[in-house]
Amino acid sequence: MKKQNREDESLLIEECEAFLSGTLAEHLDGRGIVVPVWAWTNLLAHGGPEMIAGCVSQPSNPSRSAREWNVARSLLAFEIFDLIDAGCPLEELQGEVLIPLELEMAVRPEVSRWTPSQWLDTVDAAIRSQHFSFGL
């Protein structure tokens, strides 16, 4: 039983590290676990500029089911870089928009039924609604 507890603890630590680093979707997909819709926001909410750019220029080798999600996330990454280029600090966008949105989606049961398009539209609308808050 102790060995099982250590394995469970190790998996929990890996998932926590993946969440905090912005790689939760890739971590879950790599383990063959269906990625929750909200977790596709994780990279955008917690990743640095290089990681976000990486999801566009060198996307991970996703499972077949994750490909549409990667495309949708790449489109949002381009929008985020447009905001950064216009003077919006990434940390501010993440702290004020993306992290709260990620957490809100995680607790809403209906989100689990969203398509990549619905998720894209929701995150896009949240980002766009903040343009004025950032003085853009």
N, C-alpha and C. Protein backbone atom coordinates (compact mmCIF):
# COMPACT_ATOMS: atom_id res chain seq x y z
N MET A 1 0.82 -1.20 0.00
CA MET A 1 0.00 0.00 0.00
C MET A 1 0.86 1.26 0.00
N LYS A 2 2.00 1.22 0.66
CA LYS A 2 2.85 2.40 0.72
C LYS A 2 3.39 2.76 -0.65
N LYS A 3 3.70 1.74 -1.46
CA LYS A 3 4.21 2.01 -2.81
C LYS A 3 3.14 2.72 -3.64
N GLN A 4 1.89 2.30 -3.52
CA GLN A 4 0.79 2.94 -4.25
C GLN A 4 0.63 4.39 -3.81
N ASN A 5 0.76 4.65 -2.51
CA ASN A 5 0.65 6.02 -2.01
C ASN A 5 1.75 6.90 -2.59
N ARG A 6 2.97 6.36 -2.66
CA ARG A 6 4.07 7.14 -3.23
C ARG A 6 3.83 7.42 -4.71
N GLU A 7 3.30 6.45 -5.44
CA GLU A 7 3.00 6.66 -6.86
C GLU A 7 1.90 7.70 -7.02
N ASP A 8 0.86 7.62 -6.18
CA ASP A 8 -0.22 8.60 -6.23
C ASP A 8 0.30 10.00 -5.90
N GLU A 9 1.16 10.09 -4.88
CA GLU A 9 1.74 11.38 -4.51
C GLU A 9 2.60 11.92 -5.64
N SER A 10 3.35 11.06 -6.27
CA SER A 10 4.21 11.48 -7.38
C SER A 10 3.37 12.02 -8.54
N LEU A 11 2.28 11.33 -8.85
CA LEU A 11 1.40 11.80 -9.93
C LEU A 11 0.77 13.15 -9.57
N LEU A 12 0.37 13.31 -8.32
CA LEU A 12 -0.22 14.58 -7.89
C LEU A 12 0.79 15.71 -8.01
N ILE A 13 2.03 15.44 -7.60
CA ILE A 13 3.08 16.46 -7.69
C ILE A 13 3.33 16.83 -9.15
N GLU A 14 3.37 15.83 -10.03
CA GLU A 14 3.57 16.09 -11.47
C GLU A 14 2.45 16.95 -12.02
N GLU A 15 1.21 16.64 -11.64
CA GLU A 15 0.08 17.43 -12.13
C GLU A 15 0.11 18.86 -11.60
N CYS A 16 0.48 19.02 -10.34
CA CYS A 16 0.60 20.37 -9.77
C CYS A 16 1.68 21.17 -10.49
N GLU A 17 2.82 20.55 -10.72
CA GLU A 17 3.90 21.22 -11.43
C GLU A 17 3.46 21.59 -12.85
N ALA A 18 2.76 20.69 -13.50
CA ALA A 18 2.28 20.96 -14.86
C ALA A 18 1.29 22.12 -14.85
N PHE A 19 0.39 22.14 -13.87
CA PHE A 19 -0.58 23.23 -13.78
C PHE A 19 0.12 24.57 -13.60
N LEU A 20 1.04 24.62 -12.65
CA LEU A 20 1.71 25.89 -12.34
C LEU A 20 2.63 26.36 -13.46
N SER A 21 3.15 25.43 -14.24
CA SER A 21 4.06 25.82 -15.33
C SER A 21 3.32 26.09 -16.64
N GLY A 22 2.02 25.78 -16.69
CA GLY A 22 1.25 26.03 -17.91
C GLY A 22 1.25 24.86 -18.88
N THR A 23 1.65 23.69 -18.43
CA THR A 23 1.73 22.54 -19.34
C THR A 23 0.73 21.44 -18.98
N LEU A 24 -0.34 21.79 -18.28
CA LEU A 24 -1.28 20.77 -17.83
C LEU A 24 -1.94 20.03 -18.99
N ALA A 25 -2.37 20.73 -20.02
CA ALA A 25 -3.03 20.06 -21.15
C ALA A 25 -2.09 19.04 -21.79
N GLU A 26 -0.85 19.42 -22.00
CA GLU A 26 0.11 18.50 -22.61
C GLU A 26 0.40 17.32 -21.69
N HIS A 27 0.49 17.60 -20.40
CA HIS A 27 0.75 16.54 -19.43
C HIS A 27 -0.38 15.51 -19.45
N LEU A 28 -1.60 15.97 -19.38
CA LEU A 28 -2.74 15.05 -19.36
C LEU A 28 -2.86 14.30 -20.68
N ASP A 29 -2.74 15.03 -21.79
CA ASP A 29 -2.85 14.40 -23.10
C ASP A 29 -1.75 13.35 -23.28
N GLY A 30 -0.56 13.65 -22.82
CA GLY A 30 0.55 12.71 -22.92
C GLY A 30 0.34 11.45 -22.11
N ARG A 31 -0.47 11.54 -21.07
CA ARG A 31 -0.79 10.36 -20.26
C ARG A 31 -2.04 9.66 -20.76
N GLY A 32 -2.61 10.16 -21.87
CA GLY A 32 -3.80 9.51 -22.42
C GLY A 32 -5.08 9.87 -21.70
N ILE A 33 -5.05 10.96 -20.94
CA ILE A 33 -6.22 11.42 -20.19
C ILE A 33 -6.90 12.52 -21.01
N VAL A 34 -8.22 12.45 -21.10
CA VAL A 34 -8.96 13.50 -21.81
C VAL A 34 -8.75 14.81 -21.08
N VAL A 35 -8.33 15.82 -21.81
CA VAL A 35 -8.02 17.12 -21.22
C VAL A 35 -9.32 17.88 -20.98
N PRO A 36 -9.56 18.32 -19.74
CA PRO A 36 -10.75 19.13 -19.49
C PRO A 36 -10.69 20.43 -20.29
N VAL A 37 -11.82 20.91 -20.71
CA VAL A 37 -11.86 22.12 -21.54
C VAL A 37 -11.11 23.27 -20.89
N TRP A 38 -11.34 23.51 -19.61
CA TRP A 38 -10.71 24.64 -18.93
C TRP A 38 -9.18 24.55 -18.97
N ALA A 39 -8.64 23.32 -19.04
CA ALA A 39 -7.19 23.15 -18.99
C ALA A 39 -6.50 23.66 -20.26
N TRP A 40 -7.24 23.84 -21.33
CA TRP A 40 -6.62 24.40 -22.54
C TRP A 40 -6.24 25.86 -22.34
N THR A 41 -6.80 26.50 -21.32
CA THR A 41 -6.46 27.88 -20.98
C THR A 41 -5.16 27.94 -20.18
N ASN A 42 -4.74 26.83 -19.61
CA ASN A 42 -3.63 26.79 -18.67
C ASN A 42 -2.34 27.37 -19.22
N LEU A 43 -1.94 27.01 -20.41
CA LEU A 43 -0.70 27.53 -21.00
C LEU A 43 -0.78 29.04 -21.16
N LEU A 44 -1.90 29.54 -21.62
CA LEU A 44 -2.06 30.98 -21.83
C LEU A 44 -2.08 31.73 -20.50
N ALA A 45 -2.63 31.10 -19.46
CA ALA A 45 -2.76 31.75 -18.17
C ALA A 45 -1.48 31.71 -17.33
N HIS A 46 -0.63 30.72 -17.57
CA HIS A 46 0.54 30.54 -16.70
C HIS A 46 1.87 30.51 -17.44
N GLY A 47 1.85 30.34 -18.73
CA GLY A 47 3.11 30.24 -19.48
C GLY A 47 3.74 31.59 -19.73
N GLY A 48 5.04 31.56 -19.91
CA GLY A 48 5.76 32.77 -20.30
C GLY A 48 5.67 32.99 -21.79
N PRO A 49 6.19 34.10 -22.27
CA PRO A 49 6.11 34.40 -23.70
C PRO A 49 6.69 33.30 -24.59
N GLU A 50 7.80 32.70 -24.15
CA GLU A 50 8.42 31.66 -24.98
C GLU A 50 7.53 30.43 -25.08
N MET A 51 6.90 30.07 -23.98
CA MET A 51 6.01 28.90 -24.00
C MET A 51 4.79 29.17 -24.87
N ILE A 52 4.24 30.35 -24.75
CA ILE A 52 3.06 30.69 -25.54
C ILE A 52 3.43 30.70 -27.02
N ALA A 53 4.58 31.28 -27.33
CA ALA A 53 5.04 31.27 -28.73
C ALA A 53 5.28 29.84 -29.20
N GLY A 54 5.76 29.00 -28.33
CA GLY A 54 6.02 27.61 -28.68
C GLY A 54 4.78 26.84 -29.07
N CYS A 55 3.64 27.21 -28.51
CA CYS A 55 2.41 26.50 -28.87
C CYS A 55 1.97 26.85 -30.29
N VAL A 56 2.55 27.91 -30.84
CA VAL A 56 2.25 28.29 -32.22
C VAL A 56 3.32 27.76 -33.16
N SER A 57 4.57 28.00 -32.82
CA SER A 57 5.65 27.65 -33.74
C SER A 57 6.04 26.18 -33.70
N GLN A 58 6.00 25.58 -32.54
CA GLN A 58 6.34 24.17 -32.42
C GLN A 58 5.34 23.48 -31.52
N PRO A 59 4.14 23.27 -32.02
CA PRO A 59 3.14 22.63 -31.18
C PRO A 59 3.59 21.24 -30.76
N SER A 60 3.13 20.84 -29.60
CA SER A 60 3.47 19.50 -29.12
C SER A 60 2.89 18.46 -30.09
N ASN A 61 3.25 17.23 -29.88
CA ASN A 61 2.73 16.15 -30.70
C ASN A 61 1.45 15.65 -30.03
N PRO A 62 0.33 16.32 -30.27
CA PRO A 62 -0.88 16.00 -29.53
C PRO A 62 -1.56 14.74 -30.06
N SER A 63 -2.43 14.22 -29.23
CA SER A 63 -3.28 13.13 -29.69
C SER A 63 -4.22 13.69 -30.75
N ARG A 64 -4.83 12.81 -31.46
CA ARG A 64 -5.76 13.24 -32.51
C ARG A 64 -6.87 14.13 -31.95
N SER A 65 -7.39 13.77 -30.77
CA SER A 65 -8.48 14.55 -30.18
C SER A 65 -8.03 15.94 -29.73
N ALA A 66 -6.74 16.13 -29.50
CA ALA A 66 -6.24 17.42 -29.01
C ALA A 66 -5.88 18.39 -30.13
N ARG A 67 -5.82 17.94 -31.35
CA ARG A 67 -5.36 18.82 -32.44
C ARG A 67 -6.22 20.06 -32.61
N GLU A 68 -7.54 19.90 -32.59
CA GLU A 68 -8.42 21.08 -32.75
C GLU A 68 -8.22 22.07 -31.61
N TRP A 69 -7.99 21.55 -30.41
CA TRP A 69 -7.76 22.41 -29.26
C TRP A 69 -6.46 23.18 -29.42
N ASN A 70 -5.44 22.53 -29.94
CA ASN A 70 -4.16 23.20 -30.17
C ASN A 70 -4.28 24.32 -31.19
N VAL A 71 -5.08 24.09 -32.23
CA VAL A 71 -5.29 25.13 -33.24
C VAL A 71 -6.00 26.33 -32.60
N ALA A 72 -7.04 26.06 -31.84
CA ALA A 72 -7.78 27.15 -31.18
C ALA A 72 -6.86 27.93 -30.23
N ARG A 73 -6.04 27.21 -29.48
CA ARG A 73 -5.13 27.87 -28.54
C ARG A 73 -4.09 28.69 -29.28
N SER A 74 -3.64 28.21 -30.42
CA SER A 74 -2.68 28.97 -31.23
C SER A 74 -3.27 30.29 -31.70
N LEU A 75 -4.53 30.27 -32.09
CA LEU A 75 -5.18 31.51 -32.52
C LEU A 75 -5.23 32.52 -31.38
N LEU A 76 -5.51 32.04 -30.18
CA LEU A 76 -5.53 32.94 -29.03
C LEU A 76 -4.13 33.44 -28.70
N ALA A 77 -3.13 32.61 -28.90
CA ALA A 77 -1.74 33.04 -28.66
C ALA A 77 -1.39 34.22 -29.56
N PHE A 78 -1.81 34.17 -30.82
CA PHE A 78 -1.55 35.30 -31.72
C PHE A 78 -2.21 36.56 -31.19
N GLU A 79 -3.44 36.43 -30.69
CA GLU A 79 -4.14 37.60 -30.15
C GLU A 79 -3.42 38.15 -28.91
N ILE A 80 -2.93 37.26 -28.08
CA ILE A 80 -2.19 37.69 -26.89
C ILE A 80 -0.94 38.45 -27.29
N PHE A 81 -0.23 37.97 -28.31
CA PHE A 81 0.98 38.67 -28.74
C PHE A 81 0.65 40.01 -29.38
N ASP A 82 -0.51 40.13 -30.03
CA ASP A 82 -0.94 41.44 -30.53
C ASP A 82 -1.12 42.42 -29.38
N LEU A 83 -1.71 41.95 -28.28
CA LEU A 83 -1.90 42.81 -27.11
C LEU A 83 -0.57 43.19 -26.47
N ILE A 84 0.34 42.22 -26.39
CA ILE A 84 1.65 42.51 -25.83
C ILE A 84 2.37 43.55 -26.69
N ASP A 85 2.29 43.39 -28.01
CA ASP A 85 2.91 44.36 -28.92
C ASP A 85 2.30 45.75 -28.77
N ALA A 86 1.02 45.80 -28.38
CA ALA A 86 0.34 47.08 -28.20
C ALA A 86 0.61 47.69 -26.82
N GLY A 87 1.41 47.01 -26.00
CA GLY A 87 1.79 47.58 -24.71
C GLY A 87 1.15 46.94 -23.49
N CYS A 88 0.38 45.90 -23.65
CA CYS A 88 -0.24 45.23 -22.51
C CYS A 88 0.75 44.22 -21.92
N PRO A 89 1.12 44.37 -20.66
CA PRO A 89 2.02 43.39 -20.05
C PRO A 89 1.35 42.02 -19.94
N LEU A 90 2.06 40.98 -20.32
CA LEU A 90 1.52 39.62 -20.26
C LEU A 90 1.06 39.27 -18.85
N GLU A 91 1.86 39.62 -17.85
CA GLU A 91 1.51 39.28 -16.47
C GLU A 91 0.18 39.91 -16.06
N GLU A 92 -0.07 41.11 -16.54
CA GLU A 92 -1.32 41.80 -16.23
C GLU A 92 -2.49 41.10 -16.91
N LEU A 93 -2.34 40.75 -18.18
CA LEU A 93 -3.38 40.03 -18.91
C LEU A 93 -3.67 38.69 -18.25
N GLN A 94 -2.62 38.00 -17.85
CA GLN A 94 -2.81 36.71 -17.19
C GLN A 94 -3.51 36.88 -15.84
N GLY A 95 -3.02 37.80 -15.03
CA GLY A 95 -3.56 37.98 -13.69
C GLY A 95 -4.97 38.53 -13.65
N GLU A 96 -5.29 39.40 -14.58
CA GLU A 96 -6.60 40.06 -14.56
C GLU A 96 -7.66 39.35 -15.41
N VAL A 97 -7.22 38.56 -16.40
CA VAL A 97 -8.19 37.96 -17.31
C VAL A 97 -8.07 36.44 -17.36
N LEU A 98 -6.91 35.96 -17.72
CA LEU A 98 -6.79 34.54 -18.06
C LEU A 98 -6.84 33.60 -16.85
N ILE A 99 -6.17 33.93 -15.77
CA ILE A 99 -6.22 33.06 -14.59
C ILE A 99 -7.63 33.04 -13.99
N PRO A 100 -8.27 34.20 -13.79
CA PRO A 100 -9.65 34.14 -13.28
C PRO A 100 -10.59 33.37 -14.22
N LEU A 101 -10.41 33.54 -15.53
CA LEU A 101 -11.25 32.82 -16.48
C LEU A 101 -11.00 31.32 -16.39
N GLU A 102 -9.75 30.92 -16.31
CA GLU A 102 -9.40 29.50 -16.17
C GLU A 102 -10.10 28.90 -14.95
N LEU A 103 -10.03 29.58 -13.83
CA LEU A 103 -10.64 29.08 -12.60
C LEU A 103 -12.16 29.06 -12.69
N GLU A 104 -12.73 30.07 -13.30
CA GLU A 104 -14.19 30.11 -13.47
C GLU A 104 -14.66 28.95 -14.34
N MET A 105 -13.95 28.69 -15.43
CA MET A 105 -14.35 27.58 -16.31
C MET A 105 -14.21 26.24 -15.61
N ALA A 106 -13.23 26.12 -14.72
CA ALA A 106 -13.00 24.85 -14.03
C ALA A 106 -14.16 24.45 -13.13
N VAL A 107 -14.92 25.41 -12.64
CA VAL A 107 -16.02 25.10 -11.72
C VAL A 107 -17.39 25.10 -12.39
N ARG A 108 -17.45 25.40 -13.66
CA ARG A 108 -18.73 25.42 -14.37
C ARG A 108 -18.93 24.11 -15.13
N PRO A 109 -19.86 23.26 -14.69
CA PRO A 109 -20.04 21.95 -15.32
C PRO A 109 -20.34 22.00 -16.82
N GLU A 110 -21.05 23.01 -17.28
CA GLU A 110 -21.42 23.08 -18.70
C GLU A 110 -20.20 23.26 -19.60
N VAL A 111 -19.11 23.76 -19.06
CA VAL A 111 -17.90 23.98 -19.84
C VAL A 111 -17.36 22.65 -20.38
N SER A 112 -17.58 21.58 -19.65
CA SER A 112 -17.06 20.27 -20.08
C SER A 112 -17.65 19.81 -21.41
N ARG A 113 -18.74 20.41 -21.83
CA ARG A 113 -19.38 20.03 -23.10
C ARG A 113 -19.03 20.98 -24.26
N TRP A 114 -18.21 21.97 -24.00
CA TRP A 114 -17.86 22.95 -25.03
C TRP A 114 -16.99 22.33 -26.11
N THR A 115 -17.15 22.88 -27.29
CA THR A 115 -16.28 22.53 -28.41
C THR A 115 -15.08 23.49 -28.39
N PRO A 116 -14.03 23.18 -29.17
CA PRO A 116 -12.93 24.13 -29.26
C PRO A 116 -13.39 25.52 -29.70
N SER A 117 -14.36 25.57 -30.59
CA SER A 117 -14.87 26.85 -31.07
C SER A 117 -15.55 27.64 -29.95
N GLN A 118 -16.33 26.98 -29.12
CA GLN A 118 -16.98 27.66 -28.01
C GLN A 118 -15.95 28.19 -27.01
N TRP A 119 -14.95 27.37 -26.73
CA TRP A 119 -13.89 27.80 -25.82
C TRP A 119 -13.14 28.99 -26.40
N LEU A 120 -12.79 28.91 -27.68
CA LEU A 120 -12.08 29.99 -28.36
C LEU A 120 -12.89 31.29 -28.29
N ASP A 121 -14.17 31.21 -28.59
CA ASP A 121 -15.02 32.40 -28.56
C ASP A 121 -15.09 33.01 -27.16
N THR A 122 -15.18 32.16 -26.14
CA THR A 122 -15.28 32.64 -24.77
C THR A 122 -13.99 33.33 -24.31
N VAL A 123 -12.86 32.69 -24.56
CA VAL A 123 -11.59 33.28 -24.15
C VAL A 123 -11.32 34.55 -24.96
N ASP A 124 -11.61 34.51 -26.24
CA ASP A 124 -11.43 35.68 -27.11
C ASP A 124 -12.27 36.86 -26.60
N ALA A 125 -13.51 36.59 -26.24
CA ALA A 125 -14.38 37.67 -25.74
C ALA A 125 -13.84 38.24 -24.43
N ALA A 126 -13.33 37.38 -23.57
CA ALA A 126 -12.77 37.86 -22.29
C ALA A 126 -11.55 38.74 -22.53
N ILE A 127 -10.70 38.32 -23.46
CA ILE A 127 -9.51 39.10 -23.77
C ILE A 127 -9.90 40.43 -24.39
N ARG A 128 -10.81 40.40 -25.34
CA ARG A 128 -11.25 41.63 -26.01
C ARG A 128 -11.93 42.60 -25.06
N SER A 129 -12.68 42.07 -24.09
CA SER A 129 -13.37 42.96 -23.16
C SER A 129 -12.40 43.72 -22.27
N GLN A 130 -11.16 43.25 -22.20
CA GLN A 130 -10.17 43.90 -21.37
C GLN A 130 -9.34 44.93 -22.12
N HIS A 131 -9.50 45.02 -23.44
CA HIS A 131 -8.71 45.99 -24.22
C HIS A 131 -8.84 47.38 -23.61
N PHE A 132 -10.04 47.76 -23.23
CA PHE A 132 -10.25 49.10 -22.71
C PHE A 132 -9.65 49.25 -21.32
N SER A 133 -9.66 48.16 -20.54
CA SER A 133 -9.08 48.21 -19.21
C SER A 133 -7.57 48.46 -19.28
N PHE A 134 -6.95 48.00 -20.34
CA PHE A 134 -5.51 48.15 -20.49
C PHE A 134 -5.16 49.45 -21.24
N GLY A 135 -6.17 50.23 -21.58
CA GLY A 135 -5.93 51.49 -22.25
C GLY A 135 -5.52 51.33 -23.71
N LEU A 136 -5.98 50.23 -24.33
CA LEU A 136 -5.62 49.98 -25.74
C LEU A 136 -6.76 50.37 -26.65
